[in-house]
Amino acid sequence: MSTKVKIRDTRLTSSENNPCLKEHYLSLKCLDDNQYDHDACLWYFENYKNCKGFWNDVMHDRRSKGITPILPPVEEREKMKEEYMKNFNAPKK
């Protein structure tokens, strides 16, 4: 196995580098549990896609503001999601 593959595998399987690791594993588990019937796992795929989109938006915003690291530390992520949900669910004026 080459070094590139090892580095990529570590990046994808580390919650420090992949904020959607739980969603990733749940979608794979669903596929495994349902004999790879993609239709049975659409909700899991959509959830993973939403997670990736959210964190990509966060990283884009932090990068444009010059905030480093662009991916917040693991211990700050839950608070960021809560704040987003609070603002997202707030009534529109």
N, C-alpha and C. Protein backbone atom coordinates (compact mmCIF):
# COMPACT_ATOMS: atom_id res chain seq x y z
N MET A 1 0.86 -1.18 0.00
CA MET A 1 0.00 0.00 0.00
C MET A 1 0.89 1.23 0.00
N SER A 2 0.57 2.18 -0.85
CA SER A 2 1.40 3.37 -0.93
C SER A 2 1.10 4.34 0.20
N THR A 3 2.02 5.27 0.42
CA THR A 3 1.86 6.27 1.47
C THR A 3 0.65 7.15 1.20
N LYS A 4 0.41 7.50 -0.08
CA LYS A 4 -0.74 8.34 -0.43
C LYS A 4 -2.05 7.70 0.03
N VAL A 5 -2.19 6.40 -0.21
CA VAL A 5 -3.42 5.71 0.18
C VAL A 5 -3.56 5.72 1.69
N LYS A 6 -2.49 5.48 2.43
CA LYS A 6 -2.54 5.48 3.88
C LYS A 6 -2.96 6.85 4.41
N ILE A 7 -2.39 7.91 3.85
CA ILE A 7 -2.74 9.26 4.29
C ILE A 7 -4.21 9.54 4.00
N ARG A 8 -4.69 9.20 2.82
CA ARG A 8 -6.09 9.42 2.46
C ARG A 8 -7.01 8.63 3.39
N ASP A 9 -6.69 7.36 3.64
CA ASP A 9 -7.51 6.55 4.53
C ASP A 9 -7.60 7.17 5.91
N THR A 10 -6.49 7.65 6.44
CA THR A 10 -6.48 8.28 7.76
C THR A 10 -7.32 9.54 7.76
N ARG A 11 -7.21 10.33 6.71
CA ARG A 11 -7.96 11.58 6.63
C ARG A 11 -9.46 11.31 6.64
N LEU A 12 -9.89 10.27 5.94
CA LEU A 12 -11.32 9.99 5.83
C LEU A 12 -11.88 9.29 7.06
N THR A 13 -11.04 8.61 7.81
CA THR A 13 -11.54 7.83 8.94
C THR A 13 -11.25 8.48 10.28
N SER A 14 -10.85 9.74 10.26
CA SER A 14 -10.56 10.46 11.49
C SER A 14 -11.65 11.51 11.72
N SER A 15 -12.29 11.49 12.89
CA SER A 15 -13.33 12.48 13.17
C SER A 15 -12.75 13.89 13.25
N GLU A 16 -11.46 13.98 13.46
CA GLU A 16 -10.82 15.29 13.49
C GLU A 16 -10.84 15.93 12.10
N ASN A 17 -10.69 15.11 11.08
CA ASN A 17 -10.65 15.60 9.71
C ASN A 17 -11.95 15.42 8.95
N ASN A 18 -12.84 14.61 9.45
CA ASN A 18 -14.10 14.33 8.77
C ASN A 18 -15.25 14.53 9.75
N PRO A 19 -15.88 15.71 9.73
CA PRO A 19 -16.95 15.97 10.68
C PRO A 19 -18.21 15.14 10.41
N CYS A 20 -18.26 14.47 9.29
CA CYS A 20 -19.43 13.66 8.94
C CYS A 20 -19.13 12.17 9.01
N LEU A 21 -18.17 11.81 9.82
CA LEU A 21 -17.76 10.41 9.92
C LEU A 21 -18.90 9.51 10.38
N LYS A 22 -19.66 9.96 11.36
CA LYS A 22 -20.80 9.16 11.85
C LYS A 22 -21.80 8.91 10.73
N GLU A 23 -22.15 9.97 9.99
CA GLU A 23 -23.11 9.85 8.90
C GLU A 23 -22.57 8.94 7.80
N HIS A 24 -21.28 9.03 7.56
CA HIS A 24 -20.63 8.17 6.56
C HIS A 24 -20.78 6.70 6.95
N TYR A 25 -20.44 6.39 8.18
CA TYR A 25 -20.54 5.01 8.63
C TYR A 25 -21.99 4.51 8.68
N LEU A 26 -22.92 5.38 9.05
CA LEU A 26 -24.32 4.96 9.07
C LEU A 26 -24.83 4.63 7.67
N SER A 27 -24.41 5.41 6.68
CA SER A 27 -24.84 5.12 5.31
C SER A 27 -24.25 3.79 4.82
N LEU A 28 -22.98 3.53 5.18
CA LEU A 28 -22.37 2.25 4.80
C LEU A 28 -23.04 1.08 5.51
N LYS A 29 -23.38 1.28 6.78
CA LYS A 29 -24.06 0.22 7.54
C LYS A 29 -25.43 -0.08 6.94
N CYS A 30 -26.14 0.98 6.55
CA CYS A 30 -27.44 0.79 5.92
C CYS A 30 -27.31 -0.04 4.64
N LEU A 31 -26.34 0.30 3.82
CA LEU A 31 -26.12 -0.47 2.60
C LEU A 31 -25.83 -1.94 2.92
N ASP A 32 -24.99 -2.14 3.90
CA ASP A 32 -24.64 -3.51 4.29
C ASP A 32 -25.86 -4.26 4.81
N ASP A 33 -26.66 -3.59 5.65
CA ASP A 33 -27.85 -4.21 6.24
C ASP A 33 -28.93 -4.50 5.21
N ASN A 34 -28.93 -3.75 4.11
CA ASN A 34 -29.99 -3.87 3.11
C ASN A 34 -29.50 -4.44 1.78
N GLN A 35 -28.46 -5.25 1.84
CA GLN A 35 -27.91 -5.92 0.67
C GLN A 35 -27.64 -4.93 -0.48
N TYR A 36 -27.11 -3.78 -0.12
CA TYR A 36 -26.71 -2.74 -1.06
C TYR A 36 -27.85 -2.22 -1.93
N ASP A 37 -29.05 -2.22 -1.35
CA ASP A 37 -30.21 -1.61 -1.99
C ASP A 37 -30.16 -0.11 -1.71
N HIS A 38 -29.73 0.65 -2.68
CA HIS A 38 -29.55 2.09 -2.50
C HIS A 38 -30.86 2.81 -2.16
N ASP A 39 -31.95 2.34 -2.72
CA ASP A 39 -33.25 2.97 -2.45
C ASP A 39 -33.63 2.89 -0.97
N ALA A 40 -33.21 1.83 -0.31
CA ALA A 40 -33.53 1.66 1.11
C ALA A 40 -32.73 2.61 2.00
N CYS A 41 -31.67 3.20 1.44
CA CYS A 41 -30.77 4.02 2.25
C CYS A 41 -30.76 5.49 1.84
N LEU A 42 -31.74 5.90 1.07
CA LEU A 42 -31.75 7.28 0.57
C LEU A 42 -31.71 8.30 1.69
N TRP A 43 -32.41 8.04 2.78
CA TRP A 43 -32.42 8.98 3.90
C TRP A 43 -31.01 9.16 4.46
N TYR A 44 -30.27 8.06 4.58
CA TYR A 44 -28.90 8.12 5.10
C TYR A 44 -27.99 8.89 4.14
N PHE A 45 -28.17 8.67 2.84
CA PHE A 45 -27.36 9.40 1.86
C PHE A 45 -27.66 10.89 1.91
N GLU A 46 -28.94 11.23 2.03
CA GLU A 46 -29.33 12.65 2.10
C GLU A 46 -28.78 13.30 3.37
N ASN A 47 -28.83 12.58 4.47
CA ASN A 47 -28.29 13.09 5.72
C ASN A 47 -26.78 13.34 5.60
N TYR A 48 -26.07 12.40 4.99
CA TYR A 48 -24.63 12.56 4.79
C TYR A 48 -24.35 13.76 3.87
N LYS A 49 -25.13 13.86 2.81
CA LYS A 49 -24.96 14.97 1.87
C LYS A 49 -25.21 16.32 2.56
N ASN A 50 -26.23 16.39 3.40
CA ASN A 50 -26.52 17.62 4.15
C ASN A 50 -25.38 17.96 5.11
N CYS A 51 -24.86 16.95 5.77
CA CYS A 51 -23.75 17.15 6.70
C CYS A 51 -22.54 17.70 5.96
N LYS A 52 -22.17 17.07 4.84
CA LYS A 52 -21.02 17.54 4.07
C LYS A 52 -21.24 18.96 3.58
N GLY A 53 -22.46 19.26 3.12
CA GLY A 53 -22.76 20.61 2.65
C GLY A 53 -22.63 21.64 3.76
N PHE A 54 -23.14 21.31 4.94
CA PHE A 54 -23.05 22.23 6.08
C PHE A 54 -21.59 22.54 6.41
N TRP A 55 -20.78 21.49 6.56
CA TRP A 55 -19.39 21.72 6.95
C TRP A 55 -18.56 22.34 5.83
N ASN A 56 -18.91 22.06 4.59
CA ASN A 56 -18.24 22.75 3.48
C ASN A 56 -18.55 24.24 3.51
N ASP A 57 -19.80 24.60 3.82
CA ASP A 57 -20.17 26.01 3.96
C ASP A 57 -19.41 26.66 5.11
N VAL A 58 -19.29 25.95 6.22
CA VAL A 58 -18.55 26.48 7.37
C VAL A 58 -17.09 26.71 6.99
N MET A 59 -16.49 25.74 6.32
CA MET A 59 -15.08 25.89 5.95
C MET A 59 -14.89 27.03 4.95
N HIS A 60 -15.80 27.15 4.01
CA HIS A 60 -15.72 28.24 3.04
C HIS A 60 -15.81 29.59 3.74
N ASP A 61 -16.75 29.71 4.66
CA ASP A 61 -16.93 30.96 5.41
C ASP A 61 -15.69 31.29 6.23
N ARG A 62 -15.15 30.30 6.93
CA ARG A 62 -13.96 30.52 7.76
C ARG A 62 -12.75 30.87 6.89
N ARG A 63 -12.62 30.21 5.75
CA ARG A 63 -11.50 30.51 4.85
C ARG A 63 -11.62 31.95 4.34
N SER A 64 -12.83 32.38 3.95
CA SER A 64 -12.99 33.73 3.42
C SER A 64 -12.75 34.80 4.48
N LYS A 65 -12.95 34.44 5.76
CA LYS A 65 -12.70 35.38 6.86
C LYS A 65 -11.29 35.27 7.42
N GLY A 66 -10.50 34.36 6.87
CA GLY A 66 -9.12 34.18 7.32
C GLY A 66 -9.00 33.47 8.66
N ILE A 67 -10.03 32.71 9.04
CA ILE A 67 -10.02 31.98 10.31
C ILE A 67 -9.34 30.63 10.10
N THR A 68 -8.40 30.33 10.97
CA THR A 68 -7.74 29.02 10.90
C THR A 68 -7.88 28.33 12.24
N PRO A 69 -7.99 27.05 12.24
CA PRO A 69 -8.08 26.17 11.08
C PRO A 69 -9.45 26.33 10.41
N ILE A 70 -9.51 26.01 9.12
CA ILE A 70 -10.78 26.22 8.42
C ILE A 70 -11.85 25.24 8.89
N LEU A 71 -11.44 24.08 9.36
CA LEU A 71 -12.38 23.13 9.95
C LEU A 71 -12.25 23.27 11.46
N PRO A 72 -13.33 23.67 12.13
CA PRO A 72 -13.25 23.88 13.58
C PRO A 72 -12.82 22.61 14.32
N PRO A 73 -12.16 22.77 15.45
CA PRO A 73 -11.78 21.61 16.26
C PRO A 73 -13.02 20.81 16.68
N VAL A 74 -12.85 19.53 16.89
CA VAL A 74 -13.95 18.63 17.23
C VAL A 74 -14.77 19.16 18.40
N GLU A 75 -14.10 19.70 19.42
CA GLU A 75 -14.81 20.15 20.62
C GLU A 75 -15.68 21.39 20.38
N GLU A 76 -15.50 22.10 19.28
CA GLU A 76 -16.31 23.28 18.97
C GLU A 76 -17.47 23.00 18.02
N ARG A 77 -17.47 21.86 17.40
CA ARG A 77 -18.43 21.58 16.33
C ARG A 77 -19.86 21.48 16.80
N GLU A 78 -20.09 20.84 17.93
CA GLU A 78 -21.47 20.69 18.41
C GLU A 78 -22.08 22.05 18.70
N LYS A 79 -21.31 22.94 19.30
CA LYS A 79 -21.79 24.29 19.60
C LYS A 79 -22.11 25.03 18.30
N MET A 80 -21.27 24.88 17.29
CA MET A 80 -21.52 25.53 16.00
C MET A 80 -22.82 25.03 15.38
N LYS A 81 -23.06 23.72 15.45
CA LYS A 81 -24.30 23.16 14.89
C LYS A 81 -25.50 23.68 15.64
N GLU A 82 -25.41 23.76 16.97
CA GLU A 82 -26.53 24.27 17.78
C GLU A 82 -26.84 25.72 17.43
N GLU A 83 -25.80 26.54 17.29
CA GLU A 83 -26.01 27.94 16.93
C GLU A 83 -26.65 28.07 15.56
N TYR A 84 -26.20 27.25 14.64
CA TYR A 84 -26.78 27.28 13.29
C TYR A 84 -28.26 26.90 13.35
N MET A 85 -28.57 25.83 14.07
CA MET A 85 -29.96 25.38 14.15
C MET A 85 -30.84 26.41 14.83
N LYS A 86 -30.29 27.10 15.83
CA LYS A 86 -31.05 28.15 16.51
C LYS A 86 -31.37 29.26 15.53
N ASN A 87 -30.38 29.69 14.76
CA ASN A 87 -30.59 30.75 13.78
C ASN A 87 -31.45 30.29 12.61
N PHE A 88 -31.28 29.05 12.21
CA PHE A 88 -32.03 28.50 11.08
C PHE A 88 -33.50 28.38 11.41
N ASN A 89 -33.81 28.00 12.66
CA ASN A 89 -35.20 27.82 13.08
C ASN A 89 -35.84 29.08 13.62
N ALA A 90 -35.07 30.17 13.69
CA ALA A 90 -35.62 31.43 14.20
C ALA A 90 -36.67 31.97 13.22
N PRO A 91 -37.73 32.57 13.77
CA PRO A 91 -38.76 33.12 12.89
C PRO A 91 -38.18 34.26 12.03
N LYS A 92 -38.61 34.30 10.79
CA LYS A 92 -38.15 35.33 9.86
C LYS A 92 -38.92 36.62 10.14
N LYS A 93 -38.21 37.74 10.10
CA LYS A 93 -38.86 39.03 10.34
C LYS A 93 -39.30 39.65 9.04
